[in-house]
N, C-alpha and C. Protein backbone atom coordinates (compact mmCIF):
# COMPACT_ATOMS: atom_id res chain seq x y z
N UNK A 1 -97.95 -117.48 29.35
CA UNK A 1 -97.62 -117.47 30.74
C UNK A 1 -96.30 -118.13 31.01
N UNK A 2 -95.40 -117.48 31.69
CA UNK A 2 -94.08 -118.06 32.12
C UNK A 2 -94.27 -118.94 33.39
N UNK A 3 -94.38 -120.25 33.13
CA UNK A 3 -94.64 -121.05 34.26
C UNK A 3 -93.45 -121.25 35.15
N UNK A 4 -92.26 -120.79 34.67
CA UNK A 4 -91.06 -120.88 35.54
C UNK A 4 -91.06 -119.70 36.55
N UNK A 5 -91.87 -118.74 36.37
CA UNK A 5 -91.85 -117.59 37.27
C UNK A 5 -93.09 -117.68 38.18
N UNK A 6 -92.83 -117.90 39.49
CA UNK A 6 -93.93 -118.11 40.43
C UNK A 6 -94.84 -116.88 40.47
N UNK A 7 -94.32 -115.65 40.35
CA UNK A 7 -95.06 -114.52 40.41
C UNK A 7 -96.05 -114.38 39.22
N UNK A 8 -95.56 -114.96 38.07
CA UNK A 8 -96.49 -114.98 36.93
C UNK A 8 -97.63 -115.96 37.16
N UNK A 9 -97.33 -117.03 37.84
CA UNK A 9 -98.48 -117.97 38.19
C UNK A 9 -99.41 -117.27 39.10
N UNK A 10 -98.95 -116.54 40.11
CA UNK A 10 -99.83 -115.84 41.03
C UNK A 10 -100.67 -114.77 40.25
N UNK A 11 -100.02 -114.00 39.42
CA UNK A 11 -100.72 -112.97 38.67
C UNK A 11 -101.83 -113.60 37.83
N UNK A 12 -101.49 -114.65 37.10
CA UNK A 12 -102.41 -115.32 36.15
C UNK A 12 -103.57 -115.95 36.98
N UNK A 13 -103.25 -116.53 38.15
CA UNK A 13 -104.28 -117.17 38.94
C UNK A 13 -105.34 -116.13 39.40
N UNK A 14 -104.88 -114.99 39.90
CA UNK A 14 -105.87 -113.99 40.38
C UNK A 14 -106.55 -113.29 39.21
N UNK A 15 -105.83 -113.15 38.09
CA UNK A 15 -106.58 -112.61 36.90
C UNK A 15 -107.72 -113.58 36.51
N UNK A 16 -107.44 -114.87 36.59
CA UNK A 16 -108.48 -115.83 36.15
C UNK A 16 -109.56 -116.00 37.10
N UNK A 17 -109.29 -115.92 38.43
CA UNK A 17 -110.24 -116.32 39.50
C UNK A 17 -110.53 -115.19 40.51
N UNK A 18 -110.42 -113.95 40.03
CA UNK A 18 -110.65 -112.89 40.97
C UNK A 18 -112.02 -112.96 41.68
N UNK A 19 -113.11 -113.11 40.87
CA UNK A 19 -114.42 -113.11 41.45
C UNK A 19 -114.63 -114.40 42.31
N UNK A 20 -114.15 -115.50 41.79
CA UNK A 20 -114.28 -116.83 42.49
C UNK A 20 -113.60 -116.77 43.90
N UNK A 21 -112.50 -116.03 43.85
CA UNK A 21 -111.65 -115.94 45.15
C UNK A 21 -112.54 -115.20 46.17
N UNK A 22 -113.15 -114.09 45.77
CA UNK A 22 -113.95 -113.28 46.64
C UNK A 22 -115.10 -114.12 47.17
N UNK A 23 -115.75 -114.88 46.36
CA UNK A 23 -116.87 -115.70 46.75
C UNK A 23 -116.50 -116.80 47.72
N UNK A 24 -115.29 -117.41 47.41
CA UNK A 24 -114.86 -118.56 48.18
C UNK A 24 -114.43 -118.16 49.57
N UNK A 25 -113.82 -117.01 49.69
CA UNK A 25 -113.27 -116.57 51.06
C UNK A 25 -114.09 -115.60 51.80
N UNK A 26 -115.27 -115.32 51.40
CA UNK A 26 -116.16 -114.47 52.14
C UNK A 26 -115.59 -113.01 52.38
N UNK A 27 -115.13 -112.45 51.23
CA UNK A 27 -114.45 -111.09 51.29
C UNK A 27 -115.29 -110.05 51.93
N UNK A 28 -116.56 -110.14 51.83
CA UNK A 28 -117.39 -109.05 52.43
C UNK A 28 -117.37 -109.04 53.94
N UNK A 29 -117.03 -110.11 54.60
CA UNK A 29 -117.17 -110.20 56.08
C UNK A 29 -115.90 -110.62 56.74
N UNK A 30 -114.99 -111.25 56.00
CA UNK A 30 -113.90 -111.99 56.69
C UNK A 30 -112.99 -111.07 57.61
N UNK A 31 -112.71 -109.88 57.10
CA UNK A 31 -111.67 -109.08 57.71
C UNK A 31 -112.25 -107.98 58.65
N UNK A 32 -113.55 -107.89 58.76
CA UNK A 32 -114.15 -106.74 59.45
C UNK A 32 -113.68 -106.48 60.86
N UNK A 33 -113.53 -107.49 61.73
CA UNK A 33 -113.01 -107.18 63.05
C UNK A 33 -111.60 -106.51 63.04
N UNK A 34 -110.73 -107.10 62.12
CA UNK A 34 -109.37 -106.57 62.08
C UNK A 34 -109.43 -105.05 61.54
N UNK A 35 -110.32 -104.81 60.55
CA UNK A 35 -110.42 -103.51 59.99
C UNK A 35 -110.92 -102.56 61.01
N UNK A 36 -111.87 -102.93 61.71
CA UNK A 36 -112.44 -102.04 62.83
C UNK A 36 -111.42 -101.71 63.81
N UNK A 37 -110.65 -102.71 64.28
CA UNK A 37 -109.64 -102.44 65.23
C UNK A 37 -108.52 -101.56 64.72
N UNK A 38 -108.07 -101.71 63.45
CA UNK A 38 -107.15 -100.89 62.86
C UNK A 38 -107.67 -99.45 62.76
N UNK A 39 -108.90 -99.28 62.39
CA UNK A 39 -109.48 -97.88 62.26
C UNK A 39 -109.37 -97.13 63.51
N UNK A 40 -109.45 -97.83 64.69
CA UNK A 40 -109.36 -97.23 66.00
C UNK A 40 -107.98 -96.86 66.39
N UNK A 41 -107.01 -97.32 65.71
CA UNK A 41 -105.62 -97.18 66.10
C UNK A 41 -104.89 -96.05 65.26
N UNK A 42 -105.56 -95.66 64.15
CA UNK A 42 -104.94 -94.60 63.29
C UNK A 42 -105.82 -93.34 63.17
N UNK A 43 -105.22 -92.23 62.69
CA UNK A 43 -106.14 -91.04 62.50
C UNK A 43 -107.28 -91.31 61.62
N UNK A 44 -108.34 -90.54 61.76
CA UNK A 44 -109.58 -90.73 61.07
C UNK A 44 -109.29 -90.60 59.56
N UNK A 45 -108.39 -89.66 59.25
CA UNK A 45 -108.12 -89.41 57.81
C UNK A 45 -106.70 -90.01 57.44
N UNK A 46 -106.27 -90.95 58.15
CA UNK A 46 -104.94 -91.56 57.94
C UNK A 46 -104.72 -92.15 56.61
N UNK A 47 -103.49 -92.19 56.18
CA UNK A 47 -103.11 -92.74 54.88
C UNK A 47 -102.73 -94.29 55.17
N UNK A 48 -103.38 -95.11 54.34
CA UNK A 48 -103.25 -96.62 54.53
C UNK A 48 -102.84 -97.21 53.13
N UNK A 49 -101.77 -98.08 53.20
CA UNK A 49 -101.42 -98.82 52.05
C UNK A 49 -101.96 -100.23 52.21
N UNK A 50 -102.75 -100.70 51.24
CA UNK A 50 -103.28 -102.09 51.14
C UNK A 50 -102.37 -102.85 50.19
N UNK A 51 -101.41 -103.53 50.72
CA UNK A 51 -100.50 -104.32 49.88
C UNK A 51 -100.99 -105.66 49.58
N UNK A 52 -101.25 -105.88 48.25
CA UNK A 52 -101.95 -107.17 47.83
C UNK A 52 -103.47 -106.90 48.11
N UNK A 53 -103.99 -105.81 47.51
CA UNK A 53 -105.34 -105.32 47.81
C UNK A 53 -106.41 -106.17 47.15
N UNK A 54 -106.12 -107.01 46.21
CA UNK A 54 -107.13 -107.72 45.51
C UNK A 54 -108.17 -106.83 44.91
N UNK A 55 -109.41 -107.14 45.01
CA UNK A 55 -110.56 -106.44 44.40
C UNK A 55 -110.87 -105.22 45.18
N UNK A 56 -110.14 -104.90 46.23
CA UNK A 56 -110.46 -103.71 47.08
C UNK A 56 -111.55 -103.89 48.16
N UNK A 57 -112.11 -105.18 48.10
CA UNK A 57 -113.21 -105.44 49.02
C UNK A 57 -112.79 -106.66 49.86
N UNK A 58 -112.86 -106.47 51.18
CA UNK A 58 -113.52 -105.35 51.92
C UNK A 58 -112.56 -104.32 52.41
N UNK A 59 -111.23 -104.60 52.43
CA UNK A 59 -110.29 -103.76 53.12
C UNK A 59 -110.25 -102.33 52.70
N UNK A 60 -109.89 -102.14 51.45
CA UNK A 60 -109.80 -100.76 50.94
C UNK A 60 -111.17 -100.05 51.03
N UNK A 61 -112.22 -100.72 50.65
CA UNK A 61 -113.47 -100.05 50.74
C UNK A 61 -113.93 -99.68 52.07
N UNK A 62 -113.68 -100.58 53.08
CA UNK A 62 -114.05 -100.23 54.46
C UNK A 62 -113.29 -99.12 55.00
N UNK A 63 -111.94 -99.07 54.77
CA UNK A 63 -111.09 -98.01 55.25
C UNK A 63 -111.38 -96.69 54.59
N UNK A 64 -111.64 -96.71 53.26
CA UNK A 64 -111.98 -95.54 52.54
C UNK A 64 -113.29 -94.98 52.99
N UNK A 65 -114.27 -95.80 53.26
CA UNK A 65 -115.55 -95.35 53.77
C UNK A 65 -115.44 -94.76 55.16
N UNK A 66 -114.46 -95.20 55.95
CA UNK A 66 -114.22 -94.63 57.22
C UNK A 66 -113.47 -93.29 57.18
N UNK A 67 -113.03 -92.92 56.00
CA UNK A 67 -112.36 -91.66 55.86
C UNK A 67 -110.90 -91.70 55.58
N UNK A 68 -110.33 -92.85 55.60
CA UNK A 68 -108.95 -93.03 55.32
C UNK A 68 -108.66 -92.77 53.89
N UNK A 69 -107.39 -92.35 53.59
CA UNK A 69 -106.91 -92.08 52.26
C UNK A 69 -106.12 -93.43 51.89
N UNK A 70 -106.71 -94.22 51.01
CA UNK A 70 -106.19 -95.62 50.76
C UNK A 70 -105.52 -95.71 49.36
N UNK A 71 -104.31 -96.33 49.39
CA UNK A 71 -103.72 -96.71 48.20
C UNK A 71 -103.54 -98.21 48.23
N UNK A 72 -103.96 -98.84 47.10
CA UNK A 72 -103.96 -100.29 47.06
C UNK A 72 -102.97 -100.70 45.91
N UNK A 73 -102.24 -101.77 46.16
CA UNK A 73 -101.33 -102.35 45.18
C UNK A 73 -101.63 -103.79 45.04
N UNK A 74 -101.59 -104.23 43.71
CA UNK A 74 -101.79 -105.72 43.49
C UNK A 74 -101.15 -106.05 42.11
N UNK A 75 -100.62 -107.27 41.99
CA UNK A 75 -100.00 -107.70 40.84
C UNK A 75 -100.98 -108.06 39.64
N UNK A 76 -102.25 -108.23 40.05
CA UNK A 76 -103.25 -108.73 39.08
C UNK A 76 -103.97 -107.56 38.40
N UNK A 77 -103.94 -107.50 37.08
CA UNK A 77 -104.65 -106.46 36.37
C UNK A 77 -106.11 -106.53 36.54
N UNK A 78 -106.63 -107.79 36.62
CA UNK A 78 -108.14 -107.95 36.83
C UNK A 78 -108.45 -107.49 38.25
N UNK A 79 -107.76 -107.87 39.21
CA UNK A 79 -108.03 -107.36 40.54
C UNK A 79 -108.05 -105.86 40.64
N UNK A 80 -107.04 -105.22 40.05
CA UNK A 80 -106.93 -103.77 40.06
C UNK A 80 -108.10 -103.15 39.33
N UNK A 81 -108.48 -103.68 38.22
CA UNK A 81 -109.64 -103.14 37.48
C UNK A 81 -110.87 -103.26 38.27
N UNK A 82 -111.05 -104.36 38.90
CA UNK A 82 -112.24 -104.54 39.73
C UNK A 82 -112.24 -103.53 40.94
N UNK A 83 -111.05 -103.45 41.64
CA UNK A 83 -110.93 -102.51 42.77
C UNK A 83 -111.27 -101.05 42.35
N UNK A 84 -110.83 -100.63 41.23
CA UNK A 84 -111.14 -99.27 40.75
C UNK A 84 -112.60 -99.04 40.57
N UNK A 85 -113.33 -100.11 40.17
CA UNK A 85 -114.71 -100.07 39.87
C UNK A 85 -115.48 -100.07 41.28
N UNK A 86 -115.01 -100.97 42.18
CA UNK A 86 -115.70 -101.14 43.42
C UNK A 86 -115.38 -100.08 44.51
N UNK A 87 -114.18 -99.47 44.42
CA UNK A 87 -113.77 -98.46 45.43
C UNK A 87 -113.26 -97.30 44.69
N UNK A 88 -114.02 -96.51 44.04
CA UNK A 88 -113.57 -95.40 43.26
C UNK A 88 -112.93 -94.29 44.03
N UNK A 89 -113.18 -94.32 45.37
CA UNK A 89 -112.63 -93.21 46.24
C UNK A 89 -111.18 -93.52 46.67
N UNK A 90 -110.64 -94.68 46.28
CA UNK A 90 -109.26 -95.09 46.63
C UNK A 90 -108.45 -95.06 45.34
N UNK A 91 -107.05 -95.06 45.58
CA UNK A 91 -106.14 -95.08 44.41
C UNK A 91 -105.56 -96.46 44.36
N UNK A 92 -105.46 -97.06 43.15
CA UNK A 92 -105.00 -98.37 43.01
C UNK A 92 -103.85 -98.43 41.92
N UNK A 93 -102.84 -99.18 42.20
CA UNK A 93 -101.68 -99.28 41.44
C UNK A 93 -101.42 -100.82 40.99
N UNK A 94 -101.29 -101.08 39.77
CA UNK A 94 -101.03 -102.48 39.33
C UNK A 94 -99.46 -102.57 39.32
N UNK A 95 -98.94 -103.30 40.31
CA UNK A 95 -97.52 -103.48 40.36
C UNK A 95 -97.18 -104.72 41.22
N UNK A 96 -95.97 -105.22 41.16
CA UNK A 96 -95.41 -106.20 41.94
C UNK A 96 -95.09 -105.54 43.28
N UNK A 97 -95.54 -106.09 44.44
CA UNK A 97 -95.33 -105.42 45.72
C UNK A 97 -93.85 -105.25 46.01
N UNK A 98 -92.99 -106.17 45.53
CA UNK A 98 -91.57 -106.07 45.83
C UNK A 98 -90.89 -105.00 44.99
N UNK A 99 -91.53 -104.53 43.91
CA UNK A 99 -90.91 -103.56 43.04
C UNK A 99 -91.45 -102.10 43.20
N UNK A 100 -92.59 -101.95 43.83
CA UNK A 100 -93.22 -100.66 44.06
C UNK A 100 -92.41 -99.90 45.11
N UNK A 101 -92.41 -98.61 45.15
CA UNK A 101 -91.71 -97.93 46.25
C UNK A 101 -92.58 -96.65 46.52
N UNK A 102 -92.40 -96.11 47.73
CA UNK A 102 -93.07 -94.91 48.26
C UNK A 102 -92.09 -94.16 49.09
N UNK A 103 -92.24 -92.81 49.28
CA UNK A 103 -91.42 -92.05 50.15
C UNK A 103 -91.47 -92.53 51.54
N UNK A 104 -90.36 -92.21 52.29
CA UNK A 104 -90.36 -92.72 53.68
C UNK A 104 -91.45 -91.94 54.51
N UNK A 105 -91.99 -92.64 55.52
CA UNK A 105 -92.99 -92.11 56.39
C UNK A 105 -94.28 -91.70 55.63
N UNK A 106 -94.66 -92.43 54.62
CA UNK A 106 -95.83 -92.08 53.82
C UNK A 106 -97.16 -92.51 54.45
N UNK A 107 -97.15 -93.51 55.24
CA UNK A 107 -98.37 -94.22 55.62
C UNK A 107 -98.56 -94.31 57.21
N UNK A 108 -99.80 -94.17 57.67
CA UNK A 108 -100.11 -94.43 59.02
C UNK A 108 -100.30 -95.89 59.31
N UNK A 109 -100.56 -96.64 58.25
CA UNK A 109 -100.69 -98.10 58.39
C UNK A 109 -100.47 -98.81 57.07
N UNK A 110 -99.88 -99.98 57.08
CA UNK A 110 -99.80 -100.83 55.95
C UNK A 110 -100.58 -102.10 56.31
N UNK A 111 -101.50 -102.50 55.43
CA UNK A 111 -102.31 -103.74 55.70
C UNK A 111 -101.87 -104.61 54.48
N UNK A 112 -101.65 -105.97 54.87
CA UNK A 112 -101.34 -106.87 53.89
C UNK A 112 -101.87 -108.28 54.26
N UNK A 113 -102.98 -108.67 53.66
CA UNK A 113 -103.63 -109.97 54.01
C UNK A 113 -103.42 -110.97 52.92
N UNK A 114 -102.78 -112.12 53.22
CA UNK A 114 -102.68 -113.24 52.38
C UNK A 114 -101.96 -112.82 51.03
N UNK A 115 -100.95 -111.95 51.11
CA UNK A 115 -100.15 -111.48 49.96
C UNK A 115 -98.73 -111.92 50.11
N UNK A 116 -98.15 -111.71 51.29
CA UNK A 116 -96.71 -112.11 51.47
C UNK A 116 -96.46 -113.54 51.16
N UNK A 117 -97.43 -114.40 51.42
CA UNK A 117 -97.37 -115.82 51.22
C UNK A 117 -97.32 -116.22 49.68
N UNK A 118 -97.46 -115.19 48.78
CA UNK A 118 -97.32 -115.47 47.38
C UNK A 118 -96.00 -114.89 46.78
N UNK A 119 -95.12 -114.47 47.70
CA UNK A 119 -93.86 -113.87 47.30
C UNK A 119 -92.71 -114.82 47.61
N UNK A 120 -91.72 -115.07 46.75
CA UNK A 120 -90.58 -115.87 47.05
C UNK A 120 -89.98 -115.50 48.37
N UNK A 121 -89.54 -116.53 49.06
CA UNK A 121 -89.01 -116.33 50.44
C UNK A 121 -87.89 -115.31 50.53
N UNK A 122 -86.96 -115.33 49.58
CA UNK A 122 -85.83 -114.47 49.68
C UNK A 122 -86.22 -112.98 49.40
N UNK A 123 -87.40 -112.78 48.90
CA UNK A 123 -87.85 -111.40 48.64
C UNK A 123 -88.69 -110.93 49.75
N UNK A 124 -89.05 -111.75 50.73
CA UNK A 124 -89.89 -111.27 51.83
C UNK A 124 -89.27 -110.35 52.83
N UNK A 125 -88.14 -110.66 53.27
CA UNK A 125 -87.46 -109.75 54.25
C UNK A 125 -87.10 -108.34 53.70
N UNK A 126 -86.61 -108.22 52.48
CA UNK A 126 -86.39 -106.91 51.87
C UNK A 126 -87.74 -106.08 51.75
N UNK A 127 -88.85 -106.76 51.42
CA UNK A 127 -90.12 -106.08 51.35
C UNK A 127 -90.53 -105.64 52.73
N UNK A 128 -90.36 -106.41 53.76
CA UNK A 128 -90.75 -105.99 55.09
C UNK A 128 -89.78 -104.78 55.49
N UNK A 129 -88.62 -104.68 55.18
CA UNK A 129 -87.78 -103.54 55.42
C UNK A 129 -88.36 -102.24 54.76
N UNK A 130 -88.78 -102.37 53.53
CA UNK A 130 -89.34 -101.28 52.84
C UNK A 130 -90.65 -100.87 53.57
N UNK A 131 -91.52 -101.84 53.95
CA UNK A 131 -92.75 -101.50 54.59
C UNK A 131 -92.44 -100.68 55.86
N UNK A 132 -91.42 -101.08 56.61
CA UNK A 132 -91.09 -100.38 57.84
C UNK A 132 -90.65 -98.94 57.53
N UNK A 133 -89.98 -98.77 56.42
CA UNK A 133 -89.54 -97.43 55.98
C UNK A 133 -90.74 -96.54 55.61
N UNK A 134 -91.75 -97.13 54.92
CA UNK A 134 -92.89 -96.36 54.51
C UNK A 134 -93.83 -95.90 55.62
N UNK A 135 -93.68 -96.64 56.79
CA UNK A 135 -94.49 -96.20 57.92
C UNK A 135 -94.08 -94.93 58.61
N UNK A 136 -95.00 -94.22 59.06
CA UNK A 136 -94.67 -93.11 59.96
C UNK A 136 -94.42 -93.54 61.36
N UNK A 137 -93.65 -92.77 62.18
CA UNK A 137 -93.40 -93.21 63.56
C UNK A 137 -94.77 -93.41 64.30
N UNK A 138 -94.89 -94.53 64.87
CA UNK A 138 -96.22 -94.92 65.57
C UNK A 138 -97.13 -95.60 64.58
N UNK A 139 -96.75 -95.70 63.32
CA UNK A 139 -97.63 -96.47 62.35
C UNK A 139 -97.69 -97.88 62.53
N UNK A 140 -98.75 -98.53 61.99
CA UNK A 140 -99.04 -99.91 62.28
C UNK A 140 -98.84 -100.77 60.94
N UNK A 141 -98.26 -101.97 61.17
CA UNK A 141 -98.35 -102.96 60.08
C UNK A 141 -99.30 -104.04 60.56
N UNK A 142 -100.33 -104.40 59.79
CA UNK A 142 -101.29 -105.42 60.11
C UNK A 142 -101.19 -106.40 58.96
N UNK A 143 -100.61 -107.62 59.22
CA UNK A 143 -100.26 -108.57 58.12
C UNK A 143 -100.53 -110.01 58.50
N UNK A 144 -100.99 -110.77 57.53
CA UNK A 144 -101.04 -112.23 57.70
C UNK A 144 -99.77 -112.78 57.02
N UNK A 145 -99.28 -113.90 57.66
CA UNK A 145 -98.06 -114.59 57.05
C UNK A 145 -98.38 -116.12 57.15
N UNK A 146 -97.40 -116.90 56.69
CA UNK A 146 -97.48 -118.26 56.96
C UNK A 146 -97.40 -118.60 58.41
N UNK A 147 -97.96 -119.75 58.77
CA UNK A 147 -97.77 -120.19 60.19
C UNK A 147 -96.71 -121.39 60.27
N UNK A 148 -96.75 -122.19 59.27
CA UNK A 148 -95.72 -123.21 59.13
C UNK A 148 -95.06 -123.09 57.78
N UNK A 149 -93.81 -123.49 57.76
CA UNK A 149 -93.08 -123.36 56.51
C UNK A 149 -93.55 -124.28 55.41
N UNK A 150 -93.82 -123.77 54.24
CA UNK A 150 -94.22 -124.59 53.18
C UNK A 150 -94.20 -123.82 51.90
N UNK A 151 -93.71 -124.44 50.78
CA UNK A 151 -93.74 -123.73 49.53
C UNK A 151 -94.33 -124.81 48.51
N UNK A 152 -95.30 -124.46 47.74
CA UNK A 152 -95.91 -125.41 46.84
C UNK A 152 -96.92 -124.78 45.89
N UNK A 153 -97.48 -125.72 45.06
CA UNK A 153 -98.36 -125.31 43.94
C UNK A 153 -99.60 -126.17 44.06
N UNK A 154 -100.76 -125.49 43.75
CA UNK A 154 -102.04 -126.19 43.57
C UNK A 154 -102.38 -126.05 42.09
N UNK A 155 -102.46 -127.18 41.40
CA UNK A 155 -102.63 -127.16 39.94
C UNK A 155 -104.09 -126.75 39.56
N UNK A 156 -104.99 -126.93 40.54
CA UNK A 156 -106.39 -126.64 40.19
C UNK A 156 -106.99 -125.81 41.36
N UNK A 157 -106.49 -124.54 41.52
CA UNK A 157 -106.82 -123.72 42.60
C UNK A 157 -108.35 -123.37 42.56
N UNK A 158 -108.99 -123.56 43.71
CA UNK A 158 -110.47 -123.29 43.87
C UNK A 158 -111.31 -124.03 42.88
N UNK A 159 -110.81 -125.07 42.26
CA UNK A 159 -111.49 -125.88 41.25
C UNK A 159 -111.72 -125.07 39.96
N UNK A 160 -110.89 -124.03 39.78
CA UNK A 160 -111.08 -123.11 38.62
C UNK A 160 -110.23 -123.45 37.39
N UNK A 161 -109.45 -124.49 37.47
CA UNK A 161 -108.76 -124.92 36.27
C UNK A 161 -107.47 -124.09 36.11
N UNK A 162 -107.01 -123.42 37.05
CA UNK A 162 -105.73 -122.68 36.97
C UNK A 162 -104.89 -122.89 38.20
N UNK A 163 -103.62 -122.66 38.07
CA UNK A 163 -102.68 -123.00 39.15
C UNK A 163 -102.40 -121.75 40.01
N UNK A 164 -102.01 -122.09 41.27
CA UNK A 164 -101.68 -121.02 42.22
C UNK A 164 -100.41 -121.53 43.03
N UNK A 165 -99.62 -120.55 43.47
CA UNK A 165 -98.30 -120.93 44.09
C UNK A 165 -98.28 -120.02 45.43
N UNK A 166 -97.64 -120.77 46.38
CA UNK A 166 -97.39 -120.09 47.70
C UNK A 166 -96.01 -120.36 48.22
N UNK A 167 -95.49 -119.54 49.11
CA UNK A 167 -94.23 -119.65 49.68
C UNK A 167 -94.26 -119.16 51.18
N UNK A 168 -94.45 -120.06 52.15
CA UNK A 168 -94.53 -119.61 53.51
C UNK A 168 -93.37 -119.82 54.35
N UNK A 169 -92.86 -118.94 55.15
CA UNK A 169 -92.02 -119.12 56.29
C UNK A 169 -92.84 -119.46 57.50
N UNK A 170 -92.30 -120.09 58.51
CA UNK A 170 -93.08 -120.29 59.72
C UNK A 170 -93.25 -119.03 60.53
N UNK A 171 -94.09 -119.05 61.54
CA UNK A 171 -94.50 -117.87 62.28
C UNK A 171 -93.31 -117.33 63.00
N UNK A 172 -92.38 -118.16 63.56
CA UNK A 172 -91.26 -117.59 64.28
C UNK A 172 -90.28 -116.88 63.29
N UNK A 173 -90.12 -117.40 62.13
CA UNK A 173 -89.26 -116.71 61.12
C UNK A 173 -89.88 -115.40 60.75
N UNK A 174 -91.20 -115.39 60.53
CA UNK A 174 -91.90 -114.15 60.16
C UNK A 174 -91.75 -113.12 61.24
N UNK A 175 -91.91 -113.52 62.47
CA UNK A 175 -91.78 -112.66 63.56
C UNK A 175 -90.40 -112.02 63.64
N UNK A 176 -89.36 -112.81 63.37
CA UNK A 176 -87.99 -112.40 63.40
C UNK A 176 -87.76 -111.40 62.25
N UNK A 177 -88.33 -111.71 61.04
CA UNK A 177 -88.13 -110.79 59.97
C UNK A 177 -88.80 -109.41 60.21
N UNK A 178 -89.95 -109.47 60.77
CA UNK A 178 -90.71 -108.16 61.14
C UNK A 178 -89.83 -107.38 62.12
N UNK A 179 -89.32 -108.06 63.13
CA UNK A 179 -88.49 -107.34 64.15
C UNK A 179 -87.20 -106.81 63.53
N UNK A 180 -86.58 -107.64 62.70
CA UNK A 180 -85.35 -107.20 61.98
C UNK A 180 -85.57 -106.01 61.06
N UNK A 181 -86.76 -105.89 60.59
CA UNK A 181 -87.10 -104.79 59.69
C UNK A 181 -87.19 -103.50 60.50
N UNK A 182 -87.28 -103.59 61.78
CA UNK A 182 -87.32 -102.29 62.58
C UNK A 182 -88.63 -102.05 63.21
N UNK A 183 -89.51 -103.08 63.30
CA UNK A 183 -90.89 -102.94 63.84
C UNK A 183 -90.96 -103.74 65.16
N UNK A 184 -91.79 -103.27 65.96
CA UNK A 184 -92.13 -104.00 67.27
C UNK A 184 -93.41 -104.78 67.15
N UNK A 185 -93.27 -106.15 67.32
CA UNK A 185 -94.45 -106.96 67.27
C UNK A 185 -95.30 -106.75 68.57
N UNK A 186 -96.58 -106.27 68.36
CA UNK A 186 -97.38 -105.95 69.59
C UNK A 186 -98.39 -107.11 69.88
N UNK A 187 -98.83 -107.76 68.80
CA UNK A 187 -99.74 -108.92 68.97
C UNK A 187 -99.41 -109.86 67.87
N UNK A 188 -99.65 -111.13 68.20
CA UNK A 188 -99.58 -112.25 67.20
C UNK A 188 -100.67 -113.31 67.54
N UNK A 189 -101.37 -113.72 66.56
CA UNK A 189 -102.37 -114.80 66.84
C UNK A 189 -102.43 -115.68 65.61
N UNK A 190 -102.91 -116.88 65.92
CA UNK A 190 -103.11 -117.96 64.92
C UNK A 190 -104.50 -117.83 64.32
N UNK A 191 -104.62 -117.81 63.00
CA UNK A 191 -105.91 -117.66 62.32
C UNK A 191 -106.23 -119.00 61.69
N UNK A 192 -107.00 -119.84 62.29
CA UNK A 192 -107.35 -121.13 61.77
C UNK A 192 -108.04 -121.13 60.47
N UNK A 193 -107.68 -121.97 59.62
CA UNK A 193 -108.44 -122.09 58.29
C UNK A 193 -108.35 -123.59 57.82
N UNK A 194 -109.49 -124.22 57.78
CA UNK A 194 -109.45 -125.63 57.37
C UNK A 194 -108.63 -126.42 58.27
N UNK A 195 -107.70 -127.20 57.66
CA UNK A 195 -106.82 -128.07 58.50
C UNK A 195 -105.55 -127.34 58.96
N UNK A 196 -105.36 -126.11 58.48
CA UNK A 196 -104.19 -125.30 58.84
C UNK A 196 -104.59 -123.93 59.27
N UNK A 197 -103.74 -122.97 58.87
CA UNK A 197 -104.00 -121.57 59.14
C UNK A 197 -102.84 -120.65 58.95
N UNK A 198 -103.01 -119.48 59.35
CA UNK A 198 -101.96 -118.44 59.11
C UNK A 198 -101.64 -117.69 60.37
N UNK A 199 -100.56 -116.93 60.38
CA UNK A 199 -100.31 -116.04 61.54
C UNK A 199 -100.74 -114.63 61.17
N UNK A 200 -101.30 -113.95 62.21
CA UNK A 200 -101.67 -112.53 62.07
C UNK A 200 -100.78 -111.74 63.02
N UNK A 201 -100.13 -110.77 62.44
CA UNK A 201 -99.25 -109.86 63.14
C UNK A 201 -99.75 -108.42 63.25
N UNK A 202 -99.65 -107.81 64.38
CA UNK A 202 -99.89 -106.38 64.55
C UNK A 202 -98.43 -105.92 65.01
N UNK A 203 -97.83 -105.10 64.18
CA UNK A 203 -96.43 -104.49 64.43
C UNK A 203 -96.40 -103.05 64.31
N UNK A 204 -95.60 -102.39 65.14
CA UNK A 204 -95.62 -100.90 65.11
C UNK A 204 -94.23 -100.36 64.95
N UNK A 205 -94.14 -99.30 64.20
CA UNK A 205 -92.87 -98.60 64.04
C UNK A 205 -92.76 -97.61 65.22
N UNK A 206 -91.59 -97.65 65.83
CA UNK A 206 -91.34 -96.80 67.03
C UNK A 206 -91.10 -95.39 66.55
């Protein structure tokens, strides 16, 4: 493992602790209100990109069950293998989110929960510009970002004996990046978690 490469730390961390992560963060229930609201905003058979899809549960599975055509992308080989087993009706790609590409106007929605925060700060605005290009007119971006600026490492993530790395911009910076990418922020909220939290954005392509 190349410990100098933060993306390699992220990949290795999720490879090692995929199941533990799902158990620790209540993957079966955590995102259901957001997913239900998104389902009501897009066509019943809409195309959705789940960027940083993890094990495919619950986001890809819930959207696919609702009739959406879902494509998931994740950097972790273990996460993608589990996603293919847990959500066979969706398509999954093992790739770095900043390196993958799709044709313009491919998706009715892009969902990305707790993934942007694992990407180096200088790579986040270019990724958001690509996301905006991938959306169809009227399409939605539903994304969590950092709420306060912080970059750092946890040497013993989830008590699992492996490291994890994050890089957060603050909410105002994230809002500016989303707007500069060509999207309109329609809603923003603070998602409390422990002593801190993240920002949740609903943004739309005009």
